Amino acid sequence: MQDLFANPLYLLLPFGLIFYFLVMRPQQQQQAQLRGALDNLRRGDMVVTSGGILGKVVKAPAKEDTEITLEIADDVQVKVVKDTLVGVRTKTQPVDKSDKG
């Protein structure tokens, strides 16, 4: 029995499990949630790009589309790659009152 725990790999096993449950698993769940939100994008949803640009979805994209059109200001529309979106705020979510910008 003493030889079993002499192997350093058995000492690393608890650290590996802790790393998985504290880092990897929550990140995977967050990515799955974002993927689901991107698959259900609708016209009028507010999105955030990886560059920090906020925009409103102008045209509801099909699931196979890789680009979407966003309105970032009045009469200013840009096309962005769907994979660069990092957040989705639906029309039904309340706007933060402390945000004056």
PDB file of N, CA and C in Angstrom:
ATOM      1  N   MET A   1       0.821  -1.189   0.000  1.00  0.00           N
ATOM      2  CA  MET A   1       0.000   0.000   0.000  1.00  0.00           C
ATOM      3  C   MET A   1       0.868   1.256   0.000  1.00  0.00           C
ATOM      4  N   GLN A   2       1.998   1.191   0.664  1.00  0.00           N
ATOM      5  CA  GLN A   2       2.877   2.346   0.755  1.00  0.00           C
ATOM      6  C   GLN A   2       3.495   2.666  -0.607  1.00  0.00           C
ATOM      7  N   ASP A   3       3.736   1.659  -1.434  1.00  0.00           N
ATOM      8  CA  ASP A   3       4.303   1.870  -2.768  1.00  0.00           C
ATOM      9  C   ASP A   3       3.295   2.547  -3.701  1.00  0.00           C
ATOM     10  N   LEU A   4       2.024   2.367  -3.446  1.00  0.00           N
ATOM     11  CA  LEU A   4       0.987   2.955  -4.277  1.00  0.00           C
ATOM     12  C   LEU A   4       1.040   4.482  -4.237  1.00  0.00           C
ATOM     13  N   PHE A   5       1.230   5.064  -3.057  1.00  0.00           N
ATOM     14  CA  PHE A   5       1.245   6.512  -2.912  1.00  0.00           C
ATOM     15  C   PHE A   5       2.625   7.121  -3.118  1.00  0.00           C
ATOM     16  N   ALA A   6       3.594   6.304  -3.411  1.00  0.00           N
ATOM     17  CA  ALA A   6       4.931   6.818  -3.675  1.00  0.00           C
ATOM     18  C   ALA A   6       5.020   7.410  -5.091  1.00  0.00           C
ATOM     19  N   ASN A   7       4.115   7.032  -5.955  1.00  0.00           N
ATOM     20  CA  ASN A   7       4.100   7.557  -7.314  1.00  0.00           C
ATOM     21  C   ASN A   7       3.609   9.011  -7.292  1.00  0.00           C
ATOM     22  N   PRO A   8       4.369   9.937  -7.863  1.00  0.00           N
ATOM     23  CA  PRO A   8       3.972  11.353  -7.829  1.00  0.00           C
ATOM     24  C   PRO A   8       2.676  11.652  -8.579  1.00  0.00           C
ATOM     25  N   LEU A   9       2.289  10.802  -9.511  1.00  0.00           N
ATOM     26  CA  LEU A   9       1.044  11.033 -10.232  1.00  0.00           C
ATOM     27  C   LEU A   9      -0.169  10.965  -9.315  1.00  0.00           C
ATOM     28  N   TYR A  10      -0.107  10.149  -8.292  1.00  0.00           N
ATOM     29  CA  TYR A  10      -1.221  10.061  -7.352  1.00  0.00           C
ATOM     30  C   TYR A  10      -1.342  11.330  -6.515  1.00  0.00           C
ATOM     31  N   LEU A  11      -0.238  12.038  -6.336  1.00  0.00           N
ATOM     32  CA  LEU A  11      -0.280  13.295  -5.600  1.00  0.00           C
ATOM     33  C   LEU A  11      -0.867  14.415  -6.461  1.00  0.00           C
ATOM     34  N   LEU A  12      -0.716  14.324  -7.784  1.00  0.00           N
ATOM     35  CA  LEU A  12      -1.230  15.349  -8.684  1.00  0.00           C
ATOM     36  C   LEU A  12      -2.709  15.170  -9.006  1.00  0.00           C
ATOM     37  N   LEU A  13      -3.223  13.983  -8.794  1.00  0.00           N
ATOM     38  CA  LEU A  13      -4.618  13.696  -9.118  1.00  0.00           C
ATOM     39  C   LEU A  13      -5.605  14.637  -8.414  1.00  0.00           C
ATOM     40  N   PRO A  14      -5.489  14.885  -7.114  1.00  0.00           N
ATOM     41  CA  PRO A  14      -6.442  15.811  -6.481  1.00  0.00           C
ATOM     42  C   PRO A  14      -6.359  17.233  -7.059  1.00  0.00           C
ATOM     43  N   PHE A  15      -5.149  17.681  -7.391  1.00  0.00           N
ATOM     44  CA  PHE A  15      -5.011  19.015  -7.984  1.00  0.00           C
ATOM     45  C   PHE A  15      -5.652  19.077  -9.358  1.00  0.00           C
ATOM     46  N   GLY A  16      -5.535  18.006 -10.105  1.00  0.00           N
ATOM     47  CA  GLY A  16      -6.172  17.949 -11.416  1.00  0.00           C
ATOM     48  C   GLY A  16      -7.682  18.002 -11.310  1.00  0.00           C
ATOM     49  N   LEU A  17      -8.230  17.296 -10.351  1.00  0.00           N
ATOM     50  CA  LEU A  17      -9.684  17.315 -10.149  1.00  0.00           C
ATOM     51  C   LEU A  17     -10.163  18.694  -9.697  1.00  0.00           C
ATOM     52  N   ILE A  18      -9.421  19.307  -8.800  1.00  0.00           N
ATOM     53  CA  ILE A  18      -9.789  20.648  -8.338  1.00  0.00           C
ATOM     54  C   ILE A  18      -9.753  21.623  -9.504  1.00  0.00           C
ATOM     55  N   PHE A  19      -8.710  21.559 -10.330  1.00  0.00           N
ATOM     56  CA  PHE A  19      -8.585  22.437 -11.489  1.00  0.00           C
ATOM     57  C   PHE A  19      -9.759  22.240 -12.441  1.00  0.00           C
ATOM     58  N   TYR A  20     -10.142  20.996 -12.667  1.00  0.00           N
ATOM     59  CA  TYR A  20     -11.256  20.724 -13.577  1.00  0.00           C
ATOM     60  C   TYR A  20     -12.548  21.329 -13.051  1.00  0.00           C
ATOM     61  N   PHE A  21     -12.869  21.101 -11.782  1.00  0.00           N
ATOM     62  CA  PHE A  21     -14.159  21.542 -11.257  1.00  0.00           C
ATOM     63  C   PHE A  21     -14.208  23.037 -10.958  1.00  0.00           C
ATOM     64  N   LEU A  22     -13.067  23.678 -10.740  1.00  0.00           N
ATOM     65  CA  LEU A  22     -13.079  25.111 -10.440  1.00  0.00           C
ATOM     66  C   LEU A  22     -12.812  25.989 -11.660  1.00  0.00           C
ATOM     67  N   VAL A  23     -12.157  25.450 -12.685  1.00  0.00           N
ATOM     68  CA  VAL A  23     -11.791  26.266 -13.838  1.00  0.00           C
ATOM     69  C   VAL A  23     -12.432  25.761 -15.129  1.00  0.00           C
ATOM     70  N   MET A  24     -12.180  24.540 -15.483  1.00  0.00           N
ATOM     71  CA  MET A  24     -12.596  24.017 -16.782  1.00  0.00           C
ATOM     72  C   MET A  24     -14.113  23.884 -16.906  1.00  0.00           C
ATOM     73  N   ARG A  25     -14.738  23.272 -15.940  1.00  0.00           N
ATOM     74  CA  ARG A  25     -16.173  22.998 -16.045  1.00  0.00           C
ATOM     75  C   ARG A  25     -17.019  24.270 -16.100  1.00  0.00           C
ATOM     76  N   PRO A  26     -16.780  25.258 -15.227  1.00  0.00           N
ATOM     77  CA  PRO A  26     -17.577  26.497 -15.347  1.00  0.00           C
ATOM     78  C   PRO A  26     -17.368  27.210 -16.678  1.00  0.00           C
ATOM     79  N   GLN A  27     -16.140  27.163 -17.195  1.00  0.00           N
ATOM     80  CA  GLN A  27     -15.868  27.803 -18.483  1.00  0.00           C
ATOM     81  C   GLN A  27     -16.618  27.095 -19.607  1.00  0.00           C
ATOM     82  N   GLN A  28     -16.665  25.771 -19.573  1.00  0.00           N
ATOM     83  CA  GLN A  28     -17.399  25.017 -20.583  1.00  0.00           C
ATOM     84  C   GLN A  28     -18.890  25.324 -20.512  1.00  0.00           C
ATOM     85  N   GLN A  29     -19.422  25.457 -19.310  1.00  0.00           N
ATOM     86  CA  GLN A  29     -20.845  25.767 -19.157  1.00  0.00           C
ATOM     87  C   GLN A  29     -21.151  27.170 -19.679  1.00  0.00           C
ATOM     88  N   GLN A  30     -20.265  28.111 -19.423  1.00  0.00           N
ATOM     89  CA  GLN A  30     -20.457  29.472 -19.907  1.00  0.00           C
ATOM     90  C   GLN A  30     -20.400  29.524 -21.425  1.00  0.00           C
ATOM     91  N   GLN A  31     -19.489  28.777 -22.039  1.00  0.00           N
ATOM     92  CA  GLN A  31     -19.404  28.730 -23.492  1.00  0.00           C
ATOM     93  C   GLN A  31     -20.654  28.100 -24.094  1.00  0.00           C
ATOM     94  N   ALA A  32     -21.174  27.065 -23.478  1.00  0.00           N
ATOM     95  CA  ALA A  32     -22.392  26.424 -23.975  1.00  0.00           C
ATOM     96  C   ALA A  32     -23.580  27.370 -23.874  1.00  0.00           C
ATOM     97  N   GLN A  33     -23.645  28.144 -22.803  1.00  0.00           N
ATOM     98  CA  GLN A  33     -24.734  29.106 -22.636  1.00  0.00           C
ATOM     99  C   GLN A  33     -24.648  30.204 -23.705  1.00  0.00           C
ATOM    100  N   LEU A  34     -23.449  30.693 -23.999  1.00  0.00           N
ATOM    101  CA  LEU A  34     -23.272  31.712 -25.032  1.00  0.00           C
ATOM    102  C   LEU A  34     -23.608  31.147 -26.406  1.00  0.00           C
ATOM    103  N   ARG A  35     -23.205  29.916 -26.677  1.00  0.00           N
ATOM    104  CA  ARG A  35     -23.515  29.274 -27.953  1.00  0.00           C
ATOM    105  C   ARG A  35     -25.018  29.164 -28.146  1.00  0.00           C
ATOM    106  N   GLY A  36     -25.731  28.818 -27.082  1.00  0.00           N
ATOM    107  CA  GLY A  36     -27.193  28.739 -27.157  1.00  0.00           C
ATOM    108  C   GLY A  36     -27.823  30.094 -27.413  1.00  0.00           C
ATOM    109  N   ALA A  37     -27.281  31.132 -26.772  1.00  0.00           N
ATOM    110  CA  ALA A  37     -27.811  32.482 -26.981  1.00  0.00           C
ATOM    111  C   ALA A  37     -27.535  32.953 -28.402  1.00  0.00           C
ATOM    112  N   LEU A  38     -26.380  32.619 -28.954  1.00  0.00           N
ATOM    113  CA  LEU A  38     -26.059  33.016 -30.325  1.00  0.00           C
ATOM    114  C   LEU A  38     -26.928  32.283 -31.340  1.00  0.00           C
ATOM    115  N   ASP A  39     -27.286  31.050 -31.038  1.00  0.00           N
ATOM    116  CA  ASP A  39     -28.158  30.295 -31.943  1.00  0.00           C
ATOM    117  C   ASP A  39     -29.577  30.854 -31.951  1.00  0.00           C
ATOM    118  N   ASN A  40     -29.969  31.555 -30.887  1.00  0.00           N
ATOM    119  CA  ASN A  40     -31.327  32.081 -30.771  1.00  0.00           C
ATOM    120  C   ASN A  40     -31.385  33.595 -30.929  1.00  0.00           C
ATOM    121  N   LEU A  41     -30.422  34.181 -31.623  1.00  0.00           N
ATOM    122  CA  LEU A  41     -30.433  35.627 -31.841  1.00  0.00           C
ATOM    123  C   LEU A  41     -31.664  36.031 -32.641  1.00  0.00           C
ATOM    124  N   ARG A  42     -32.268  37.153 -32.224  1.00  0.00           N
ATOM    125  CA  ARG A  42     -33.422  37.679 -32.929  1.00  0.00           C
ATOM    126  C   ARG A  42     -33.197  39.146 -33.238  1.00  0.00           C
ATOM    127  N   ARG A  43     -33.964  39.651 -34.152  1.00  0.00           N
ATOM    128  CA  ARG A  43     -33.896  41.057 -34.508  1.00  0.00           C
ATOM    129  C   ARG A  43     -34.237  41.902 -33.278  1.00  0.00           C
ATOM    130  N   GLY A  44     -33.416  42.890 -33.000  1.00  0.00           N
ATOM    131  CA  GLY A  44     -33.644  43.761 -31.859  1.00  0.00           C
ATOM    132  C   GLY A  44     -32.823  43.414 -30.637  1.00  0.00           C
ATOM    133  N   ASP A  45     -32.192  42.244 -30.616  1.00  0.00           N
ATOM    134  CA  ASP A  45     -31.350  41.872 -29.485  1.00  0.00           C
ATOM    135  C   ASP A  45     -30.097  42.743 -29.465  1.00  0.00           C
ATOM    136  N   MET A  46     -29.674  43.124 -28.283  1.00  0.00           N
ATOM    137  CA  MET A  46     -28.432  43.869 -28.112  1.00  0.00           C
ATOM    138  C   MET A  46     -27.314  42.869 -27.884  1.00  0.00           C
ATOM    139  N   VAL A  47     -26.191  43.071 -28.576  1.00  0.00           N
ATOM    140  CA  VAL A  47     -25.060  42.168 -28.451  1.00  0.00           C
ATOM    141  C   VAL A  47     -23.793  42.977 -28.170  1.00  0.00           C
ATOM    142  N   VAL A  48     -22.793  42.286 -27.636  1.00  0.00           N
ATOM    143  CA  VAL A  48     -21.499  42.885 -27.361  1.00  0.00           C
ATOM    144  C   VAL A  48     -20.451  42.099 -28.147  1.00  0.00           C
ATOM    145  N   THR A  49     -19.605  42.805 -28.883  1.00  0.00           N
ATOM    146  CA  THR A  49     -18.535  42.145 -29.626  1.00  0.00           C
ATOM    147  C   THR A  49     -17.300  42.022 -28.744  1.00  0.00           C
ATOM    148  N   SER A  50     -16.340  41.245 -29.181  1.00  0.00           N
ATOM    149  CA  SER A  50     -15.109  41.079 -28.416  1.00  0.00           C
ATOM    150  C   SER A  50     -14.317  42.377 -28.350  1.00  0.00           C
ATOM    151  N   GLY A  51     -14.564  43.297 -29.261  1.00  0.00           N
ATOM    152  CA  GLY A  51     -13.922  44.601 -29.224  1.00  0.00           C
ATOM    153  C   GLY A  51     -14.624  45.593 -28.316  1.00  0.00           C
ATOM    154  N   GLY A  52     -15.737  45.190 -27.718  1.00  0.00           N
ATOM    155  CA  GLY A  52     -16.463  46.047 -26.794  1.00  0.00           C
ATOM    156  C   GLY A  52     -17.530  46.897 -27.448  1.00  0.00           C
ATOM    157  N   ILE A  53     -17.832  46.647 -28.696  1.00  0.00           N
ATOM    158  CA  ILE A  53     -18.850  47.428 -29.401  1.00  0.00           C
ATOM    159  C   ILE A  53     -20.229  46.865 -29.087  1.00  0.00           C
ATOM    160  N   LEU A  54     -21.139  47.745 -28.692  1.00  0.00           N
ATOM    161  CA  LEU A  54     -22.529  47.361 -28.454  1.00  0.00           C
ATOM    162  C   LEU A  54     -23.323  47.637 -29.715  1.00  0.00           C
ATOM    163  N   GLY A  55     -24.171  46.708 -30.092  1.00  0.00           N
ATOM    164  CA  GLY A  55     -24.978  46.903 -31.282  1.00  0.00           C
ATOM    165  C   GLY A  55     -26.285  46.160 -31.191  1.00  0.00           C
ATOM    166  N   LYS A  56     -27.229  46.583 -32.019  1.00  0.00           N
ATOM    167  CA  LYS A  56     -28.535  45.952 -32.081  1.00  0.00           C
ATOM    168  C   LYS A  56     -28.602  45.121 -33.351  1.00  0.00           C
ATOM    169  N   VAL A  57     -29.079  43.891 -33.245  1.00  0.00           N
ATOM    170  CA  VAL A  57     -29.193  43.007 -34.401  1.00  0.00           C
ATOM    171  C   VAL A  57     -30.260  43.577 -35.324  1.00  0.00           C
ATOM    172  N   VAL A  58     -29.861  43.839 -36.578  1.00  0.00           N
ATOM    173  CA  VAL A  58     -30.779  44.422 -37.553  1.00  0.00           C
ATOM    174  C   VAL A  58     -31.543  43.341 -38.286  1.00  0.00           C
ATOM    175  N   LYS A  59     -30.828  42.298 -38.664  1.00  0.00           N
ATOM    176  CA  LYS A  59     -31.443  41.220 -39.421  1.00  0.00           C
ATOM    177  C   LYS A  59     -31.193  39.920 -38.680  1.00  0.00           C
ATOM    178  N   ALA A  60     -32.248  39.177 -38.402  1.00  0.00           N
ATOM    179  CA  ALA A  60     -32.099  37.908 -37.698  1.00  0.00           C
ATOM    180  C   ALA A  60     -31.331  36.931 -38.577  1.00  0.00           C
ATOM    181  N   PRO A  61     -30.190  36.437 -38.087  1.00  0.00           N
ATOM    182  CA  PRO A  61     -29.376  35.544 -38.905  1.00  0.00           C
ATOM    183  C   PRO A  61     -29.925  34.121 -38.922  1.00  0.00           C
ATOM    184  N   ALA A  62     -29.683  33.439 -40.027  1.00  0.00           N
ATOM    185  CA  ALA A  62     -29.996  32.010 -40.081  1.00  0.00           C
ATOM    186  C   ALA A  62     -28.918  31.273 -39.297  1.00  0.00           C
ATOM    187  N   LYS A  63     -29.215  30.063 -38.867  1.00  0.00           N
ATOM    188  CA  LYS A  63     -28.259  29.316 -38.045  1.00  0.00           C
ATOM    189  C   LYS A  63     -26.943  29.056 -38.769  1.00  0.00           C
ATOM    190  N   GLU A  64     -26.998  28.897 -40.083  1.00  0.00           N
ATOM    191  CA  GLU A  64     -25.771  28.596 -40.826  1.00  0.00           C
ATOM    192  C   GLU A  64     -24.982  29.845 -41.204  1.00  0.00           C
ATOM    193  N   ASP A  65     -25.551  31.037 -40.984  1.00  0.00           N
ATOM    194  CA  ASP A  65     -24.838  32.278 -41.295  1.00  0.00           C
ATOM    195  C   ASP A  65     -23.686  32.487 -40.316  1.00  0.00           C
ATOM    196  N   THR A  66     -22.570  32.992 -40.841  1.00  0.00           N
ATOM    197  CA  THR A  66     -21.429  33.297 -39.979  1.00  0.00           C
ATOM    198  C   THR A  66     -21.307  34.795 -39.726  1.00  0.00           C
ATOM    199  N   GLU A  67     -22.030  35.605 -40.481  1.00  0.00           N
ATOM    200  CA  GLU A  67     -21.997  37.052 -40.305  1.00  0.00           C
ATOM    201  C   GLU A  67     -23.386  37.567 -39.944  1.00  0.00           C
ATOM    202  N   ILE A  68     -23.410  38.612 -39.117  1.00  0.00           N
ATOM    203  CA  ILE A  68     -24.677  39.263 -38.793  1.00  0.00           C
ATOM    204  C   ILE A  68     -24.497  40.765 -38.983  1.00  0.00           C
ATOM    205  N   THR A  69     -25.594  41.452 -39.174  1.00  0.00           N
ATOM    206  CA  THR A  69     -25.566  42.902 -39.346  1.00  0.00           C
ATOM    207  C   THR A  69     -26.031  43.558 -38.055  1.00  0.00           C
ATOM    208  N   LEU A  70     -25.209  44.485 -37.548  1.00  0.00           N
ATOM    209  CA  LEU A  70     -25.519  45.206 -36.329  1.00  0.00           C
ATOM    210  C   LEU A  70     -25.688  46.685 -36.621  1.00  0.00           C
ATOM    211  N   GLU A  71     -26.572  47.318 -35.884  1.00  0.00           N
ATOM    212  CA  GLU A  71     -26.695  48.767 -35.943  1.00  0.00           C
ATOM    213  C   GLU A  71     -26.012  49.306 -34.695  1.00  0.00           C
ATOM    214  N   ILE A  72     -24.908  50.063 -34.895  1.00  0.00           N
ATOM    215  CA  ILE A  72     -24.148  50.567 -33.754  1.00  0.00           C
ATOM    216  C   ILE A  72     -24.464  52.028 -33.450  1.00  0.00           C
ATOM    217  N   ALA A  73     -25.132  52.722 -34.369  1.00  0.00           N
ATOM    218  CA  ALA A  73     -25.599  54.098 -34.173  1.00  0.00           C
ATOM    219  C   ALA A  73     -26.745  54.306 -35.162  1.00  0.00           C
ATOM    220  N   ASP A  74     -27.407  55.445 -35.088  1.00  0.00           N
ATOM    221  CA  ASP A  74     -28.496  55.712 -36.022  1.00  0.00           C
ATOM    222  C   ASP A  74     -27.975  55.681 -37.449  1.00  0.00           C
ATOM    223  N   ASP A  75     -28.568  54.836 -38.262  1.00  0.00           N
ATOM    224  CA  ASP A  75     -28.215  54.666 -39.675  1.00  0.00           C
ATOM    225  C   ASP A  75     -26.765  54.249 -39.902  1.00  0.00           C
ATOM    226  N   VAL A  76     -26.137  53.590 -38.931  1.00  0.00           N
ATOM    227  CA  VAL A  76     -24.780  53.048 -39.103  1.00  0.00           C
ATOM    228  C   VAL A  76     -24.854  51.551 -38.841  1.00  0.00           C
ATOM    229  N   GLN A  77     -24.684  50.785 -39.903  1.00  0.00           N
ATOM    230  CA  GLN A  77     -24.759  49.335 -39.787  1.00  0.00           C
ATOM    231  C   GLN A  77     -23.418  48.723 -40.177  1.00  0.00           C
ATOM    232  N   VAL A  78     -23.020  47.708 -39.442  1.00  0.00           N
ATOM    233  CA  VAL A  78     -21.775  47.000 -39.730  1.00  0.00           C
ATOM    234  C   VAL A  78     -22.057  45.505 -39.725  1.00  0.00           C
ATOM    235  N   LYS A  79     -21.261  44.788 -40.512  1.00  0.00           N
ATOM    236  CA  LYS A  79     -21.331  43.329 -40.499  1.00  0.00           C
ATOM    237  C   LYS A  79     -20.210  42.824 -39.615  1.00  0.00           C
ATOM    238  N   VAL A  80     -20.532  41.886 -38.748  1.00  0.00           N
ATOM    239  CA  VAL A  80     -19.529  41.281 -37.881  1.00  0.00           C
ATOM    240  C   VAL A  80     -19.641  39.766 -37.975  1.00  0.00           C
ATOM    241  N   VAL A  81     -18.542  39.119 -37.682  1.00  0.00           N
ATOM    242  CA  VAL A  81     -18.528  37.655 -37.651  1.00  0.00           C
ATOM    243  C   VAL A  81     -19.197  37.216 -36.346  1.00  0.00           C
ATOM    244  N   LYS A  82     -20.079  36.270 -36.452  1.00  0.00           N
ATOM    245  CA  LYS A  82     -20.873  35.817 -35.312  1.00  0.00           C
ATOM    246  C   LYS A  82     -19.993  35.300 -34.164  1.00  0.00           C
ATOM    247  N   ASP A  83     -18.846  34.718 -34.503  1.00  0.00           N
ATOM    248  CA  ASP A  83     -17.967  34.155 -33.472  1.00  0.00           C
ATOM    249  C   ASP A  83     -17.292  35.218 -32.623  1.00  0.00           C
ATOM    250  N   THR A  84     -17.331  36.492 -33.048  1.00  0.00           N
ATOM    251  CA  THR A  84     -16.700  37.544 -32.253  1.00  0.00           C
ATOM    252  C   THR A  84     -17.625  38.107 -31.186  1.00  0.00           C
ATOM    253  N   LEU A  85     -18.855  37.633 -31.125  1.00  0.00           N
ATOM    254  CA  LEU A  85     -19.791  38.110 -30.111  1.00  0.00           C
ATOM    255  C   LEU A  85     -19.496  37.429 -28.782  1.00  0.00           C
ATOM    256  N   VAL A  86     -19.457  38.233 -27.714  1.00  0.00           N
ATOM    257  CA  VAL A  86     -19.144  37.685 -26.400  1.00  0.00           C
ATOM    258  C   VAL A  86     -20.301  37.820 -25.418  1.00  0.00           C
ATOM    259  N   GLY A  87     -21.364  38.514 -25.815  1.00  0.00           N
ATOM    260  CA  GLY A  87     -22.503  38.664 -24.925  1.00  0.00           C
ATOM    261  C   GLY A  87     -23.761  39.005 -25.690  1.00  0.00           C
ATOM    262  N   VAL A  88     -24.889  38.560 -25.168  1.00  0.00           N
ATOM    263  CA  VAL A  88     -26.190  38.825 -25.791  1.00  0.00           C
ATOM    264  C   VAL A  88     -27.115  39.359 -24.707  1.00  0.00           C
ATOM    265  N   ARG A  89     -27.734  40.483 -25.002  1.00  0.00           N
ATOM    266  CA  ARG A  89     -28.735  41.072 -24.112  1.00  0.00           C
ATOM    267  C   ARG A  89     -30.033  41.132 -24.899  1.00  0.00           C
ATOM    268  N   THR A  90     -31.013  40.346 -24.512  1.00  0.00           N
ATOM    269  CA  THR A  90     -32.275  40.313 -25.241  1.00  0.00           C
ATOM    270  C   THR A  90     -33.076  41.572 -24.952  1.00  0.00           C
ATOM    271  N   LYS A  91     -34.084  41.807 -25.765  1.00  0.00           N
ATOM    272  CA  LYS A  91     -34.919  43.003 -25.592  1.00  0.00           C
ATOM    273  C   LYS A  91     -35.632  43.004 -24.251  1.00  0.00           C
ATOM    274  N   THR A  92     -35.874  41.842 -23.688  1.00  0.00           N
ATOM    275  CA  THR A  92     -36.648  41.762 -22.454  1.00  0.00           C
ATOM    276  C   THR A  92     -35.816  42.043 -21.215  1.00  0.00           C
ATOM    277  N   GLN A  93     -34.489  42.056 -21.330  1.00  0.00           N
ATOM    278  CA  GLN A  93     -33.659  42.321 -20.167  1.00  0.00           C
ATOM    279  C   GLN A  93     -33.696  43.808 -19.836  1.00  0.00           C
ATOM    280  N   PRO A  94     -33.825  44.150 -18.559  1.00  0.00           N
ATOM    281  CA  PRO A  94     -33.870  45.563 -18.190  1.00  0.00           C
ATOM    282  C   PRO A  94     -32.508  46.219 -18.374  1.00  0.00           C
ATOM    283  N   VAL A  95     -32.557  47.502 -18.692  1.00  0.00           N
ATOM    284  CA  VAL A  95     -31.332  48.273 -18.857  1.00  0.00           C
ATOM    285  C   VAL A  95     -30.889  48.759 -17.494  1.00  0.00           C
ATOM    286  N   ASP A  96     -29.574  48.696 -17.234  1.00  0.00           N
ATOM    287  CA  ASP A  96     -29.023  49.141 -15.962  1.00  0.00           C
ATOM    288  C   ASP A  96     -29.207  50.652 -15.835  1.00  0.00           C
ATOM    289  N   LYS A  97     -29.921  51.104 -14.817  1.00  0.00           N
ATOM    290  CA  LYS A  97     -30.224  52.527 -14.634  1.00  0.00           C
ATOM    291  C   LYS A  97     -28.989  53.331 -14.273  1.00  0.00           C
ATOM    292  N   SER A  98     -27.957  52.693 -13.728  1.00  0.00           N
ATOM    293  CA  SER A  98     -26.753  53.419 -13.335  1.00  0.00           C
ATOM    294  C   SER A  98     -25.884  53.748 -14.545  1.00  0.00           C
ATOM    295  N   ASP A  99     -26.172  53.147 -15.716  1.00  0.00           N
ATOM    296  CA  ASP A  99     -25.412  53.390 -16.921  1.00  0.00           C
ATOM    297  C   ASP A  99     -25.992  54.607 -17.626  1.00  0.00           C
ATOM    298  N   LYS A 100     -25.293  55.722 -17.557  1.00  0.00           N
ATOM    299  CA  LYS A 100     -25.783  56.966 -18.137  1.00  0.00           C
ATOM    300  C   LYS A 100     -25.286  57.182 -19.556  1.00  0.00           C
ATOM    301  N   GLY A 101     -24.401  56.279 -20.064  1.00  0.00           N
ATOM    302  CA  GLY A 101     -23.791  56.465 -21.374  1.00  0.00           C
ATOM    303  C   GLY A 101     -24.656  56.002 -22.449  1.00  0.00           C
TER     304      GLY A 101
END
